[in-house]
Amino acid sequence: MKLDVVTKNYSPSNRLIEVLQKKLDKLDKYFPDEPSARVVMKAEKKDEVLEISINYKGTLLRAEVKDEHIYDCIDIALPKLEKQLIKHRGKFNDKIKETVAPYEFVKEEEIDAVPEIVKTKEFDVKAEDLKEAVAGLELVDHDFYLFLNVATGHIEAVYRRSDGKIGHLIPRV
């Protein structure tokens, strides 16, 4: 797997990069061609953050983990990525067997079935600017808020991030 490492307030050792490369290479069996992974490592207060993104043929797999030790972050992030790969393996390789066993980082019983849709809800989308959408997010008491941005004419979303700040999603087709 091709590895692109980005750091913010963090200096990884050569040994850390080698361990990360070796463990990520174990996921190569899920891809017919060599994928590339972008790894972001950063330090935040007492924790270290590891974000691994694998973009393959337009499909993005991503795991972000925060822990006291970066090596523990690797051990937590890789099973997350492998579960995503197992669930969506058809997007990556139609020739791959239905079950790739043994799995590298997860146990067979840890593989979750695709979640069932239990409720469908319709709602009106208002045409508003970004500031009004943020105010709407506060009013609905949800983690996200969809709106029609009057400036762009596109459906966009604002959402509450885990750090309490607001994020803005702008879909591209």
N, C-alpha and C. Protein backbone atom coordinates (compact mmCIF):
# COMPACT_ATOMS: atom_id res chain seq x y z
N MET A 1 0.85 -1.17 0.00
CA MET A 1 0.00 0.00 0.00
C MET A 1 0.89 1.23 0.00
N LYS A 2 0.56 2.18 -0.87
CA LYS A 2 1.29 3.43 -0.91
C LYS A 2 0.87 4.27 0.29
N LEU A 3 1.84 4.84 0.97
CA LEU A 3 1.56 5.55 2.21
C LEU A 3 1.98 7.02 2.08
N ASP A 4 1.06 7.91 2.40
CA ASP A 4 1.33 9.35 2.44
C ASP A 4 1.10 9.80 3.88
N VAL A 5 2.16 10.18 4.58
CA VAL A 5 2.06 10.54 5.99
C VAL A 5 2.12 12.05 6.14
N VAL A 6 1.13 12.58 6.85
CA VAL A 6 1.05 14.01 7.14
C VAL A 6 1.06 14.15 8.67
N THR A 7 1.84 15.08 9.19
CA THR A 7 1.90 15.27 10.64
C THR A 7 1.56 16.71 11.00
N LYS A 8 0.98 16.85 12.18
CA LYS A 8 0.67 18.15 12.74
C LYS A 8 1.05 18.10 14.22
N ASN A 9 2.02 18.89 14.61
CA ASN A 9 2.51 18.91 16.00
C ASN A 9 2.97 17.52 16.45
N TYR A 10 3.51 16.75 15.53
CA TYR A 10 3.90 15.38 15.86
C TYR A 10 5.08 14.97 14.99
N SER A 11 6.04 14.27 15.59
CA SER A 11 7.20 13.77 14.85
C SER A 11 7.26 12.25 14.96
N PRO A 12 6.80 11.52 13.95
CA PRO A 12 6.82 10.06 14.02
C PRO A 12 8.23 9.52 13.84
N SER A 13 8.52 8.44 14.53
CA SER A 13 9.82 7.79 14.37
C SER A 13 9.78 6.92 13.12
N ASN A 14 10.95 6.57 12.62
CA ASN A 14 11.03 5.67 11.47
C ASN A 14 10.40 4.32 11.80
N ARG A 15 10.58 3.88 13.03
CA ARG A 15 10.00 2.60 13.47
C ARG A 15 8.47 2.65 13.41
N LEU A 16 7.87 3.76 13.81
CA LEU A 16 6.42 3.91 13.76
C LEU A 16 5.92 3.82 12.32
N ILE A 17 6.62 4.48 11.40
CA ILE A 17 6.23 4.44 9.99
C ILE A 17 6.35 3.02 9.46
N GLU A 18 7.41 2.30 9.84
CA GLU A 18 7.59 0.91 9.40
C GLU A 18 6.46 0.02 9.91
N VAL A 19 6.10 0.17 11.19
CA VAL A 19 5.02 -0.64 11.78
C VAL A 19 3.71 -0.34 11.07
N LEU A 20 3.44 0.93 10.84
CA LEU A 20 2.21 1.34 10.17
C LEU A 20 2.16 0.77 8.74
N GLN A 21 3.26 0.87 8.03
CA GLN A 21 3.32 0.34 6.66
C GLN A 21 3.10 -1.17 6.65
N LYS A 22 3.74 -1.87 7.56
CA LYS A 22 3.63 -3.33 7.61
C LYS A 22 2.18 -3.75 7.91
N LYS A 23 1.54 -3.06 8.83
CA LYS A 23 0.16 -3.42 9.19
C LYS A 23 -0.81 -3.05 8.08
N LEU A 24 -0.63 -1.90 7.45
CA LEU A 24 -1.51 -1.51 6.36
C LEU A 24 -1.36 -2.43 5.15
N ASP A 25 -0.14 -2.94 4.93
CA ASP A 25 0.09 -3.87 3.81
C ASP A 25 -0.76 -5.13 3.94
N LYS A 26 -1.17 -5.48 5.15
CA LYS A 26 -2.00 -6.67 5.35
C LYS A 26 -3.40 -6.48 4.76
N LEU A 27 -3.80 -5.23 4.51
CA LEU A 27 -5.10 -4.96 3.92
C LEU A 27 -5.07 -5.03 2.39
N ASP A 28 -3.89 -5.18 1.81
CA ASP A 28 -3.76 -5.23 0.35
C ASP A 28 -4.56 -6.36 -0.29
N LYS A 29 -4.81 -7.42 0.46
CA LYS A 29 -5.51 -8.57 -0.12
C LYS A 29 -6.95 -8.22 -0.51
N TYR A 30 -7.49 -7.12 0.00
CA TYR A 30 -8.84 -6.72 -0.33
C TYR A 30 -8.92 -5.92 -1.63
N PHE A 31 -7.79 -5.54 -2.20
CA PHE A 31 -7.76 -4.70 -3.38
C PHE A 31 -7.07 -5.41 -4.54
N PRO A 32 -7.60 -5.31 -5.77
CA PRO A 32 -6.93 -5.92 -6.91
C PRO A 32 -5.68 -5.13 -7.32
N ASP A 33 -5.69 -3.82 -7.11
CA ASP A 33 -4.54 -2.96 -7.41
C ASP A 33 -4.05 -2.35 -6.10
N GLU A 34 -2.83 -1.81 -6.15
CA GLU A 34 -2.28 -1.22 -4.93
C GLU A 34 -2.99 0.10 -4.62
N PRO A 35 -3.66 0.17 -3.46
CA PRO A 35 -4.32 1.42 -3.08
C PRO A 35 -3.32 2.37 -2.41
N SER A 36 -3.76 3.59 -2.18
CA SER A 36 -2.93 4.54 -1.43
C SER A 36 -3.69 4.95 -0.17
N ALA A 37 -2.93 5.17 0.86
CA ALA A 37 -3.50 5.57 2.14
C ALA A 37 -2.89 6.89 2.57
N ARG A 38 -3.73 7.77 3.09
CA ARG A 38 -3.25 9.04 3.65
C ARG A 38 -3.39 8.92 5.16
N VAL A 39 -2.29 9.10 5.85
CA VAL A 39 -2.27 8.98 7.30
C VAL A 39 -1.92 10.32 7.91
N VAL A 40 -2.79 10.79 8.78
CA VAL A 40 -2.54 12.05 9.48
C VAL A 40 -2.29 11.71 10.95
N MET A 41 -1.17 12.17 11.47
CA MET A 41 -0.83 11.98 12.88
C MET A 41 -0.69 13.36 13.51
N LYS A 42 -1.34 13.54 14.66
CA LYS A 42 -1.21 14.82 15.33
C LYS A 42 -1.33 14.64 16.84
N ALA A 43 -0.79 15.60 17.55
CA ALA A 43 -0.87 15.60 19.01
C ALA A 43 -1.87 16.66 19.43
N GLU A 44 -2.77 16.27 20.33
CA GLU A 44 -3.76 17.19 20.89
C GLU A 44 -3.76 17.03 22.40
N LYS A 45 -3.31 18.03 23.09
CA LYS A 45 -3.23 18.01 24.54
C LYS A 45 -2.53 16.73 25.01
N LYS A 46 -3.23 15.86 25.76
CA LYS A 46 -2.61 14.63 26.27
C LYS A 46 -2.74 13.45 25.31
N ASP A 47 -3.53 13.61 24.25
CA ASP A 47 -3.80 12.51 23.34
C ASP A 47 -3.04 12.64 22.02
N GLU A 48 -2.93 11.51 21.36
CA GLU A 48 -2.40 11.48 20.00
C GLU A 48 -3.53 11.02 19.09
N VAL A 49 -3.61 11.61 17.90
CA VAL A 49 -4.70 11.32 16.97
C VAL A 49 -4.13 10.71 15.71
N LEU A 50 -4.76 9.63 15.26
CA LEU A 50 -4.37 8.97 14.03
C LEU A 50 -5.60 8.91 13.13
N GLU A 51 -5.46 9.41 11.92
CA GLU A 51 -6.54 9.37 10.94
C GLU A 51 -5.99 8.66 9.70
N ILE A 52 -6.65 7.58 9.30
CA ILE A 52 -6.24 6.83 8.11
C ILE A 52 -7.37 6.91 7.10
N SER A 53 -7.05 7.37 5.90
CA SER A 53 -8.02 7.45 4.81
C SER A 53 -7.49 6.67 3.62
N ILE A 54 -8.30 5.75 3.11
CA ILE A 54 -7.94 4.99 1.93
C ILE A 54 -8.95 5.35 0.86
N ASN A 55 -8.48 5.93 -0.23
CA ASN A 55 -9.34 6.30 -1.34
C ASN A 55 -9.04 5.35 -2.48
N TYR A 56 -10.04 4.56 -2.86
CA TYR A 56 -9.82 3.58 -3.92
C TYR A 56 -10.98 3.62 -4.89
N LYS A 57 -10.70 3.98 -6.12
CA LYS A 57 -11.71 4.05 -7.18
C LYS A 57 -12.92 4.87 -6.77
N GLY A 58 -12.69 6.00 -6.13
CA GLY A 58 -13.77 6.90 -5.77
C GLY A 58 -14.49 6.57 -4.47
N THR A 59 -14.12 5.48 -3.82
CA THR A 59 -14.72 5.12 -2.54
C THR A 59 -13.73 5.45 -1.43
N LEU A 60 -14.21 6.13 -0.41
CA LEU A 60 -13.34 6.55 0.69
C LEU A 60 -13.63 5.73 1.93
N LEU A 61 -12.60 5.13 2.48
CA LEU A 61 -12.67 4.45 3.77
C LEU A 61 -11.88 5.32 4.75
N ARG A 62 -12.41 5.48 5.94
CA ARG A 62 -11.74 6.39 6.89
C ARG A 62 -11.93 5.91 8.31
N ALA A 63 -10.87 6.01 9.08
CA ALA A 63 -10.94 5.73 10.52
C ALA A 63 -10.12 6.79 11.24
N GLU A 64 -10.71 7.36 12.29
CA GLU A 64 -10.00 8.34 13.11
C GLU A 64 -10.06 7.88 14.55
N VAL A 65 -8.90 7.85 15.20
CA VAL A 65 -8.81 7.35 16.57
C VAL A 65 -7.97 8.30 17.40
N LYS A 66 -8.40 8.49 18.64
CA LYS A 66 -7.67 9.34 19.59
C LYS A 66 -7.35 8.49 20.81
N ASP A 67 -6.09 8.47 21.22
CA ASP A 67 -5.67 7.68 22.38
C ASP A 67 -4.40 8.30 22.95
N GLU A 68 -3.97 7.79 24.08
CA GLU A 68 -2.75 8.31 24.71
C GLU A 68 -1.49 7.93 23.93
N HIS A 69 -1.52 6.77 23.25
CA HIS A 69 -0.35 6.27 22.53
C HIS A 69 -0.71 6.00 21.08
N ILE A 70 0.14 6.44 20.17
CA ILE A 70 -0.13 6.31 18.75
C ILE A 70 -0.17 4.85 18.31
N TYR A 71 0.62 3.98 18.94
CA TYR A 71 0.60 2.56 18.59
C TYR A 71 -0.76 1.94 18.93
N ASP A 72 -1.37 2.39 20.03
CA ASP A 72 -2.71 1.91 20.37
C ASP A 72 -3.72 2.41 19.33
N CYS A 73 -3.51 3.61 18.83
CA CYS A 73 -4.39 4.16 17.80
C CYS A 73 -4.37 3.27 16.55
N ILE A 74 -3.19 2.80 16.18
CA ILE A 74 -3.07 1.91 15.02
C ILE A 74 -3.88 0.65 15.24
N ASP A 75 -3.74 0.07 16.43
CA ASP A 75 -4.44 -1.19 16.74
C ASP A 75 -5.95 -1.02 16.82
N ILE A 76 -6.43 0.18 17.04
CA ILE A 76 -7.87 0.44 17.08
C ILE A 76 -8.39 0.79 15.68
N ALA A 77 -7.61 1.54 14.90
CA ALA A 77 -8.06 2.01 13.59
C ALA A 77 -8.11 0.90 12.54
N LEU A 78 -7.15 -0.01 12.56
CA LEU A 78 -7.11 -1.03 11.51
C LEU A 78 -8.30 -1.98 11.53
N PRO A 79 -8.79 -2.43 12.70
CA PRO A 79 -10.03 -3.24 12.66
C PRO A 79 -11.22 -2.45 12.11
N LYS A 80 -11.29 -1.16 12.40
CA LYS A 80 -12.37 -0.33 11.85
C LYS A 80 -12.32 -0.32 10.33
N LEU A 81 -11.12 -0.13 9.79
CA LEU A 81 -10.96 -0.12 8.34
C LEU A 81 -11.28 -1.48 7.73
N GLU A 82 -10.83 -2.53 8.38
CA GLU A 82 -11.08 -3.87 7.84
C GLU A 82 -12.57 -4.19 7.83
N LYS A 83 -13.30 -3.78 8.88
CA LYS A 83 -14.75 -4.01 8.90
C LYS A 83 -15.41 -3.28 7.73
N GLN A 84 -14.97 -2.06 7.44
CA GLN A 84 -15.52 -1.32 6.31
C GLN A 84 -15.21 -2.03 4.99
N LEU A 85 -13.99 -2.54 4.87
CA LEU A 85 -13.60 -3.26 3.66
C LEU A 85 -14.43 -4.52 3.46
N ILE A 86 -14.66 -5.25 4.54
CA ILE A 86 -15.42 -6.49 4.45
C ILE A 86 -16.86 -6.20 4.03
N LYS A 87 -17.45 -5.16 4.61
CA LYS A 87 -18.84 -4.82 4.29
C LYS A 87 -18.99 -4.37 2.84
N HIS A 88 -17.98 -3.69 2.32
CA HIS A 88 -18.09 -3.08 1.00
C HIS A 88 -17.11 -3.67 0.00
N ARG A 89 -16.70 -4.92 0.19
CA ARG A 89 -15.67 -5.51 -0.65
C ARG A 89 -16.04 -5.56 -2.13
N GLY A 90 -17.32 -5.64 -2.46
CA GLY A 90 -17.74 -5.68 -3.85
C GLY A 90 -17.36 -4.43 -4.63
N LYS A 91 -17.26 -3.30 -3.96
CA LYS A 91 -16.87 -2.06 -4.62
C LYS A 91 -15.40 -2.08 -5.03
N PHE A 92 -14.61 -2.88 -4.35
CA PHE A 92 -13.18 -2.87 -4.58
C PHE A 92 -12.72 -3.98 -5.50
N ASN A 93 -13.34 -5.14 -5.36
CA ASN A 93 -12.86 -6.27 -6.13
C ASN A 93 -13.97 -7.28 -6.30
N ASP A 94 -14.54 -7.36 -7.49
CA ASP A 94 -15.61 -8.33 -7.73
C ASP A 94 -15.09 -9.76 -7.74
N LYS A 95 -13.79 -9.94 -7.94
CA LYS A 95 -13.23 -11.28 -8.03
C LYS A 95 -12.90 -11.87 -6.66
N ILE A 96 -12.92 -11.05 -5.64
CA ILE A 96 -12.55 -11.53 -4.31
C ILE A 96 -13.61 -12.49 -3.80
N LYS A 97 -13.20 -13.52 -3.10
CA LYS A 97 -14.14 -14.48 -2.55
C LYS A 97 -15.09 -13.79 -1.58
N GLU A 98 -16.27 -14.33 -1.44
CA GLU A 98 -17.27 -13.72 -0.54
C GLU A 98 -16.72 -13.61 0.88
N THR A 99 -15.97 -14.58 1.32
CA THR A 99 -15.36 -14.48 2.64
C THR A 99 -13.85 -14.57 2.48
N VAL A 100 -13.18 -13.57 2.95
CA VAL A 100 -11.72 -13.56 2.96
C VAL A 100 -11.31 -13.93 4.37
N ALA A 101 -10.92 -15.15 4.55
CA ALA A 101 -10.55 -15.60 5.88
C ALA A 101 -9.14 -16.12 5.82
N PRO A 102 -8.37 -16.03 6.82
CA PRO A 102 -8.72 -15.36 8.06
C PRO A 102 -8.60 -13.86 7.90
N TYR A 103 -9.42 -13.15 8.65
CA TYR A 103 -9.32 -11.70 8.66
C TYR A 103 -8.06 -11.32 9.42
N GLU A 104 -7.51 -10.16 9.09
CA GLU A 104 -6.25 -9.73 9.70
C GLU A 104 -6.43 -9.12 11.08
N PHE A 105 -7.45 -8.29 11.25
CA PHE A 105 -7.55 -7.50 12.48
C PHE A 105 -8.85 -7.71 13.25
N VAL A 106 -9.83 -8.38 12.66
CA VAL A 106 -11.11 -8.58 13.33
C VAL A 106 -11.43 -10.06 13.40
N LYS A 107 -12.27 -10.41 14.34
CA LYS A 107 -12.73 -11.78 14.47
C LYS A 107 -14.02 -11.93 13.68
N GLU A 108 -14.31 -13.13 13.22
CA GLU A 108 -15.50 -13.40 12.41
C GLU A 108 -16.76 -12.88 13.07
N GLU A 109 -16.89 -13.07 14.37
CA GLU A 109 -18.12 -12.67 15.06
C GLU A 109 -18.24 -11.15 15.22
N GLU A 110 -17.15 -10.42 14.96
CA GLU A 110 -17.20 -8.97 15.06
C GLU A 110 -17.75 -8.30 13.80
N ILE A 111 -17.91 -9.07 12.73
CA ILE A 111 -18.40 -8.52 11.49
C ILE A 111 -19.90 -8.28 11.62
N ASP A 112 -20.29 -7.02 11.51
CA ASP A 112 -21.68 -6.64 11.66
C ASP A 112 -22.40 -6.77 10.32
N ALA A 113 -23.67 -7.10 10.40
CA ALA A 113 -24.50 -7.10 9.21
C ALA A 113 -24.78 -5.66 8.81
N VAL A 114 -25.18 -5.46 7.57
CA VAL A 114 -25.54 -4.12 7.12
C VAL A 114 -26.74 -3.66 7.93
N PRO A 115 -26.67 -2.46 8.51
CA PRO A 115 -27.78 -1.98 9.33
C PRO A 115 -29.08 -1.89 8.53
N GLU A 116 -30.17 -2.19 9.19
CA GLU A 116 -31.48 -2.15 8.57
C GLU A 116 -32.07 -0.75 8.72
N ILE A 117 -32.72 -0.27 7.67
CA ILE A 117 -33.42 1.01 7.75
C ILE A 117 -34.75 0.74 8.44
N VAL A 118 -34.97 1.36 9.59
CA VAL A 118 -36.17 1.10 10.37
C VAL A 118 -37.16 2.26 10.33
N LYS A 119 -36.73 3.40 9.80
CA LYS A 119 -37.63 4.54 9.76
C LYS A 119 -37.25 5.43 8.58
N THR A 120 -38.25 5.92 7.89
CA THR A 120 -38.04 6.88 6.82
C THR A 120 -38.80 8.14 7.19
N LYS A 121 -38.16 9.26 7.00
CA LYS A 121 -38.78 10.52 7.41
C LYS A 121 -38.64 11.52 6.27
N GLU A 122 -39.69 12.22 5.96
CA GLU A 122 -39.65 13.29 4.96
C GLU A 122 -39.71 14.62 5.68
N PHE A 123 -39.01 15.60 5.11
CA PHE A 123 -39.02 16.93 5.70
C PHE A 123 -38.76 17.96 4.61
N ASP A 124 -39.16 19.17 4.87
CA ASP A 124 -38.94 20.26 3.93
C ASP A 124 -37.54 20.84 4.12
N VAL A 125 -36.90 21.17 3.03
CA VAL A 125 -35.59 21.80 3.06
C VAL A 125 -35.78 23.28 2.72
N LYS A 126 -35.33 24.13 3.63
CA LYS A 126 -35.50 25.58 3.45
C LYS A 126 -34.33 26.15 2.67
N ALA A 127 -34.63 27.18 1.89
CA ALA A 127 -33.58 27.96 1.22
C ALA A 127 -33.11 29.02 2.21
N GLU A 128 -31.84 28.95 2.59
CA GLU A 128 -31.30 29.89 3.57
C GLU A 128 -29.80 30.01 3.40
N ASP A 129 -29.22 31.01 4.06
CA ASP A 129 -27.77 31.16 4.00
C ASP A 129 -27.13 30.34 5.12
N LEU A 130 -25.83 30.31 5.13
CA LEU A 130 -25.09 29.47 6.07
C LEU A 130 -25.36 29.84 7.53
N LYS A 131 -25.41 31.12 7.84
CA LYS A 131 -25.67 31.55 9.22
C LYS A 131 -27.05 31.11 9.69
N GLU A 132 -28.04 31.20 8.81
CA GLU A 132 -29.38 30.76 9.18
C GLU A 132 -29.42 29.24 9.38
N ALA A 133 -28.64 28.52 8.58
CA ALA A 133 -28.59 27.07 8.72
C ALA A 133 -27.98 26.67 10.07
N VAL A 134 -26.94 27.37 10.50
CA VAL A 134 -26.33 27.08 11.81
C VAL A 134 -27.35 27.35 12.92
N ALA A 135 -28.11 28.42 12.79
CA ALA A 135 -29.16 28.72 13.77
C ALA A 135 -30.22 27.62 13.74
N GLY A 136 -30.54 27.12 12.53
CA GLY A 136 -31.50 26.02 12.40
C GLY A 136 -31.01 24.75 13.06
N LEU A 137 -29.71 24.50 12.97
CA LEU A 137 -29.12 23.34 13.64
C LEU A 137 -29.34 23.41 15.14
N GLU A 138 -29.16 24.57 15.70
CA GLU A 138 -29.35 24.76 17.13
C GLU A 138 -30.82 24.53 17.52
N LEU A 139 -31.73 24.92 16.65
CA LEU A 139 -33.16 24.79 16.95
C LEU A 139 -33.67 23.36 16.90
N VAL A 140 -33.17 22.56 15.95
CA VAL A 140 -33.72 21.21 15.79
C VAL A 140 -33.13 20.19 16.77
N ASP A 141 -32.05 20.54 17.44
CA ASP A 141 -31.42 19.64 18.42
C ASP A 141 -31.06 18.28 17.81
N HIS A 142 -30.52 18.31 16.59
CA HIS A 142 -29.98 17.12 15.94
C HIS A 142 -28.48 17.33 15.75
N ASP A 143 -27.81 16.31 15.25
CA ASP A 143 -26.38 16.43 14.98
C ASP A 143 -26.10 17.01 13.60
N PHE A 144 -27.13 17.11 12.75
CA PHE A 144 -26.95 17.66 11.41
C PHE A 144 -28.18 18.45 11.00
N TYR A 145 -28.01 19.26 9.95
CA TYR A 145 -29.11 20.08 9.44
C TYR A 145 -28.90 20.27 7.94
N LEU A 146 -29.86 19.83 7.13
CA LEU A 146 -29.79 20.00 5.68
C LEU A 146 -30.50 21.28 5.27
N PHE A 147 -29.95 21.96 4.27
CA PHE A 147 -30.57 23.19 3.80
C PHE A 147 -30.19 23.44 2.35
N LEU A 148 -30.97 24.26 1.67
CA LEU A 148 -30.67 24.69 0.32
C LEU A 148 -29.94 26.03 0.43
N ASN A 149 -28.68 26.03 0.10
CA ASN A 149 -27.87 27.24 0.23
C ASN A 149 -28.28 28.24 -0.85
N VAL A 150 -28.78 29.40 -0.44
CA VAL A 150 -29.25 30.40 -1.41
C VAL A 150 -28.10 30.94 -2.26
N ALA A 151 -26.89 30.92 -1.73
CA ALA A 151 -25.74 31.45 -2.47
C ALA A 151 -25.31 30.50 -3.60
N THR A 152 -25.44 29.19 -3.39
CA THR A 152 -24.96 28.23 -4.38
C THR A 152 -26.09 27.51 -5.12
N GLY A 153 -27.28 27.45 -4.50
CA GLY A 153 -28.39 26.71 -5.10
C GLY A 153 -28.28 25.21 -4.91
N HIS A 154 -27.38 24.76 -4.01
CA HIS A 154 -27.17 23.33 -3.77
C HIS A 154 -27.64 22.93 -2.37
N ILE A 155 -28.00 21.65 -2.25
CA ILE A 155 -28.30 21.09 -0.94
C ILE A 155 -26.98 20.90 -0.20
N GLU A 156 -26.90 21.43 1.00
CA GLU A 156 -25.69 21.33 1.83
C GLU A 156 -26.10 20.95 3.24
N ALA A 157 -25.14 20.71 4.10
CA ALA A 157 -25.43 20.33 5.48
C ALA A 157 -24.46 21.01 6.42
N VAL A 158 -24.95 21.31 7.60
CA VAL A 158 -24.09 21.71 8.71
C VAL A 158 -24.27 20.63 9.77
N TYR A 159 -23.22 20.40 10.55
CA TYR A 159 -23.28 19.34 11.55
C TYR A 159 -22.44 19.71 12.76
N ARG A 160 -22.78 19.10 13.89
CA ARG A 160 -22.04 19.32 15.12
C ARG A 160 -20.92 18.30 15.20
N ARG A 161 -19.69 18.79 15.29
CA ARG A 161 -18.52 17.92 15.38
C ARG A 161 -18.35 17.42 16.81
N SER A 162 -17.52 16.40 16.97
CA SER A 162 -17.30 15.83 18.31
C SER A 162 -16.63 16.83 19.25
N ASP A 163 -15.93 17.84 18.69
CA ASP A 163 -15.30 18.85 19.54
C ASP A 163 -16.25 20.00 19.90
N GLY A 164 -17.54 19.88 19.46
CA GLY A 164 -18.52 20.89 19.78
C GLY A 164 -18.64 22.00 18.75
N LYS A 165 -17.72 22.06 17.82
CA LYS A 165 -17.75 23.09 16.78
C LYS A 165 -18.68 22.64 15.65
N ILE A 166 -18.90 23.52 14.69
CA ILE A 166 -19.81 23.24 13.59
C ILE A 166 -19.01 22.94 12.32
N GLY A 167 -19.43 21.91 11.60
CA GLY A 167 -18.83 21.59 10.30
C GLY A 167 -19.81 21.89 9.20
N HIS A 168 -19.31 22.06 7.97
CA HIS A 168 -20.14 22.40 6.83
C HIS A 168 -19.82 21.41 5.70
N LEU A 169 -20.81 20.68 5.23
CA LEU A 169 -20.62 19.72 4.16
C LEU A 169 -21.16 20.29 2.86
N ILE A 170 -20.32 20.25 1.81
CA ILE A 170 -20.73 20.71 0.49
C ILE A 170 -20.53 19.53 -0.46
N PRO A 171 -21.61 18.84 -0.83
CA PRO A 171 -21.48 17.67 -1.71
C PRO A 171 -21.07 18.09 -3.12
N ARG A 172 -20.27 17.24 -3.76
CA ARG A 172 -19.89 17.41 -5.16
C ARG A 172 -20.35 16.19 -5.91
N VAL A 173 -20.88 16.41 -7.11
CA VAL A 173 -21.31 15.29 -7.94
C VAL A 173 -20.36 15.18 -9.12
